Amino acid sequence: MAWPGNRSSMVVHSTNCHVRPLGRNVEMIRDRSEAARRGYRPCRQCHPFRATYTAQPLSMKVHRTYCRLLLGSVNWKFYERLEDALKRRFEPCRVCKPER
C-alpha cells in the first residue's frame, strides 16, 4: 500500500483523507520510514500510518480505510481500533467487513 504525499506541504495523507493534495503535488510514499527519510510528516486529520478504521457519521458505519464506499465524504472519523468506533455506536460495513 502507498500513501499520497503532498510535495508542497511535506505531509503524507491516507488515500481517503479529505485534505488530499492536488495532482501536480502528489508523490506516492510506500511506508513510514520512506516518509521520514524524505522529510514528510503524517497528516493531523487522518493519521495515515496509525488509523486502520474510518467511520462515517452520516451513515453510522465503520469501514476499513481502503473500502470503496468511503469515496466522496468529508465527515470521516479515524480510529486505530475497531472497538473505539463500535463504542460510539458505529456499525461495521457490510462491504469491507471490518473484523473485531
C-alpha atoms as a PDB file:
ATOM      1  CA  MET A   1       0.000   0.000   0.000  1.00  0.00           C
ATOM      2  CA  ALA A   2       1.192   3.516  -0.760  1.00  0.00           C
ATOM      3  CA  TRP A   3       0.102   6.849   0.676  1.00  0.00           C
ATOM      4  CA  PRO A   4      -0.119  10.154  -1.231  1.00  0.00           C
ATOM      5  CA  GLY A   5       2.362  12.749  -0.052  1.00  0.00           C
ATOM      6  CA  ASN A   6       1.974  16.472  -0.688  1.00  0.00           C
ATOM      7  CA  ARG A   7       5.278  17.858  -2.003  1.00  0.00           C
ATOM      8  CA  SER A   8       4.429  21.474  -1.181  1.00  0.00           C
ATOM      9  CA  SER A   9       3.456  20.922   2.483  1.00  0.00           C
ATOM     10  CA  MET A  10       5.541  17.745   3.022  1.00  0.00           C
ATOM     11  CA  VAL A  11       2.541  15.947   4.565  1.00  0.00           C
ATOM     12  CA  VAL A  12       1.527  12.311   3.989  1.00  0.00           C
ATOM     13  CA  HIS A  13      -2.223  11.548   3.837  1.00  0.00           C
ATOM     14  CA  SER A  14      -4.302   8.383   3.796  1.00  0.00           C
ATOM     15  CA  THR A  15      -5.894   7.586   0.442  1.00  0.00           C
ATOM     16  CA  ASN A  16      -9.321   8.678   1.663  1.00  0.00           C
ATOM     17  CA  CYS A  17      -8.314  11.844   3.520  1.00  0.00           C
ATOM     18  CA  HIS A  18     -10.412  14.901   2.636  1.00  0.00           C
ATOM     19  CA  VAL A  19      -7.241  17.046   2.738  1.00  0.00           C
ATOM     20  CA  ARG A  20      -5.708  15.208  -0.254  1.00  0.00           C
ATOM     21  CA  PRO A  21      -3.096  17.091  -2.291  1.00  0.00           C
ATOM     22  CA  LEU A  22      -3.582  18.335  -5.842  1.00  0.00           C
ATOM     23  CA  GLY A  23      -2.454  16.034  -8.643  1.00  0.00           C
ATOM     24  CA  ARG A  24       0.652  18.019  -9.518  1.00  0.00           C
ATOM     25  CA  ASN A  25       1.879  17.942  -5.904  1.00  0.00           C
ATOM     26  CA  VAL A  26       1.357  14.213  -5.270  1.00  0.00           C
ATOM     27  CA  GLU A  27       4.201  11.838  -4.579  1.00  0.00           C
ATOM     28  CA  MET A  28       3.411   8.275  -3.503  1.00  0.00           C
ATOM     29  CA  ILE A  29       5.084   7.168  -0.268  1.00  0.00           C
ATOM     30  CA  ARG A  30       5.495   3.429   0.393  1.00  0.00           C
ATOM     31  CA  ASP A  31       5.963   3.322   4.157  1.00  0.00           C
ATOM     32  CA  ARG A  32       6.679   5.284   7.315  1.00  0.00           C
ATOM     33  CA  SER A  33      10.464   5.010   7.036  1.00  0.00           C
ATOM     34  CA  GLU A  34      10.453   6.355   3.478  1.00  0.00           C
ATOM     35  CA  ALA A  35       8.285   9.278   4.590  1.00  0.00           C
ATOM     36  CA  ALA A  36      10.677  10.125   7.420  1.00  0.00           C
ATOM     37  CA  ARG A  37      13.707   9.795   5.168  1.00  0.00           C
ATOM     38  CA  ARG A  38      12.185  12.253   2.665  1.00  0.00           C
ATOM     39  CA  GLY A  39      11.147  14.717   5.387  1.00  0.00           C
ATOM     40  CA  TYR A  40       7.366  14.123   5.335  1.00  0.00           C
ATOM     41  CA  ARG A  41       5.176  14.227   8.418  1.00  0.00           C
ATOM     42  CA  PRO A  42       1.800  12.442   8.835  1.00  0.00           C
ATOM     43  CA  CYS A  43      -1.460  14.350   8.340  1.00  0.00           C
ATOM     44  CA  ARG A  44      -3.025  15.519  11.609  1.00  0.00           C
ATOM     45  CA  GLN A  45      -6.537  14.823  10.295  1.00  0.00           C
ATOM     46  CA  CYS A  46      -6.286  11.231   9.059  1.00  0.00           C
ATOM     47  CA  HIS A  47      -3.132   9.817  10.746  1.00  0.00           C
ATOM     48  CA  PRO A  48      -2.197   7.671   7.718  1.00  0.00           C
ATOM     49  CA  PHE A  49       0.227   5.325   9.474  1.00  0.00           C
ATOM     50  CA  ARG A  50      -1.941   4.853  12.529  1.00  0.00           C
ATOM     51  CA  ALA A  51      -5.623   4.737  11.596  1.00  0.00           C
ATOM     52  CA  THR A  52      -6.937   1.473  10.233  1.00  0.00           C
ATOM     53  CA  TYR A  53     -10.662   2.164  10.544  1.00  0.00           C
ATOM     54  CA  THR A  54     -12.668   5.060   9.157  1.00  0.00           C
ATOM     55  CA  ALA A  55     -16.191   5.928  10.325  1.00  0.00           C
ATOM     56  CA  GLN A  56     -18.852   7.936   8.515  1.00  0.00           C
ATOM     57  CA  PRO A  57     -21.105   9.816  10.955  1.00  0.00           C
ATOM     58  CA  LEU A  58     -23.912  10.292   8.418  1.00  0.00           C
ATOM     59  CA  SER A  59     -24.353   6.572   7.753  1.00  0.00           C
ATOM     60  CA  MET A  60     -23.091   5.459  11.200  1.00  0.00           C
ATOM     61  CA  LYS A  61     -20.906   2.812   9.507  1.00  0.00           C
ATOM     62  CA  VAL A  62     -17.276   1.967  10.221  1.00  0.00           C
ATOM     63  CA  HIS A  63     -15.057   0.846   7.330  1.00  0.00           C
ATOM     64  CA  ARG A  64     -11.535  -0.335   6.685  1.00  0.00           C
ATOM     65  CA  THR A  65      -9.502   2.549   5.297  1.00  0.00           C
ATOM     66  CA  TYR A  66      -9.446   1.027   1.795  1.00  0.00           C
ATOM     67  CA  CYS A  67     -13.236   0.461   1.492  1.00  0.00           C
ATOM     68  CA  ARG A  68     -14.711   1.622  -1.830  1.00  0.00           C
ATOM     69  CA  LEU A  69     -17.748   3.107  -0.068  1.00  0.00           C
ATOM     70  CA  LEU A  70     -15.641   5.879   1.517  1.00  0.00           C
ATOM     71  CA  LEU A  71     -15.455   7.961  -1.647  1.00  0.00           C
ATOM     72  CA  GLY A  72     -16.957  11.440  -1.543  1.00  0.00           C
ATOM     73  CA  SER A  73     -17.361  12.108   2.163  1.00  0.00           C
ATOM     74  CA  VAL A  74     -15.612  14.762   4.241  1.00  0.00           C
ATOM     75  CA  ASN A  75     -17.055  13.946   7.673  1.00  0.00           C
ATOM     76  CA  TRP A  76     -14.829  10.983   8.453  1.00  0.00           C
ATOM     77  CA  LYS A  77     -13.631  10.000  11.897  1.00  0.00           C
ATOM     78  CA  PHE A  78     -10.469   7.904  12.149  1.00  0.00           C
ATOM     79  CA  TYR A  79      -9.856   5.116  14.649  1.00  0.00           C
ATOM     80  CA  GLU A  80      -6.926   2.846  15.406  1.00  0.00           C
ATOM     81  CA  ARG A  81      -9.115   0.177  16.982  1.00  0.00           C
ATOM     82  CA  LEU A  82     -12.471  -1.119  15.822  1.00  0.00           C
ATOM     83  CA  GLU A  83     -13.684  -1.282  19.428  1.00  0.00           C
ATOM     84  CA  ASP A  84     -13.399   2.508  19.731  1.00  0.00           C
ATOM     85  CA  ALA A  85     -15.712   3.019  16.754  1.00  0.00           C
ATOM     86  CA  LEU A  86     -18.177   0.388  17.980  1.00  0.00           C
ATOM     87  CA  LYS A  87     -18.332   2.076  21.407  1.00  0.00           C
ATOM     88  CA  ARG A  88     -19.528   5.203  19.624  1.00  0.00           C
ATOM     89  CA  ARG A  89     -22.364   3.174  18.040  1.00  0.00           C
ATOM     90  CA  PHE A  90     -20.928   2.818  14.539  1.00  0.00           C
ATOM     91  CA  GLU A  91     -21.933  -0.397  12.754  1.00  0.00           C
ATOM     92  CA  PRO A  92     -19.478  -2.465  10.668  1.00  0.00           C
ATOM     93  CA  CYS A  93     -19.691  -2.014   6.899  1.00  0.00           C
ATOM     94  CA  ARG A  94     -21.229  -4.930   5.003  1.00  0.00           C
ATOM     95  CA  VAL A  95     -18.849  -4.495   2.055  1.00  0.00           C
ATOM     96  CA  CYS A  96     -15.371  -4.369   3.650  1.00  0.00           C
ATOM     97  CA  LYS A  97     -16.425  -6.270   6.816  1.00  0.00           C
ATOM     98  CA  PRO A  98     -14.052  -4.901   9.474  1.00  0.00           C
ATOM     99  CA  GLU A  99     -13.363  -7.668  11.968  1.00  0.00           C
ATOM    100  CA  ARG A 100     -13.146  -7.489  15.704  1.00  0.00           C
END
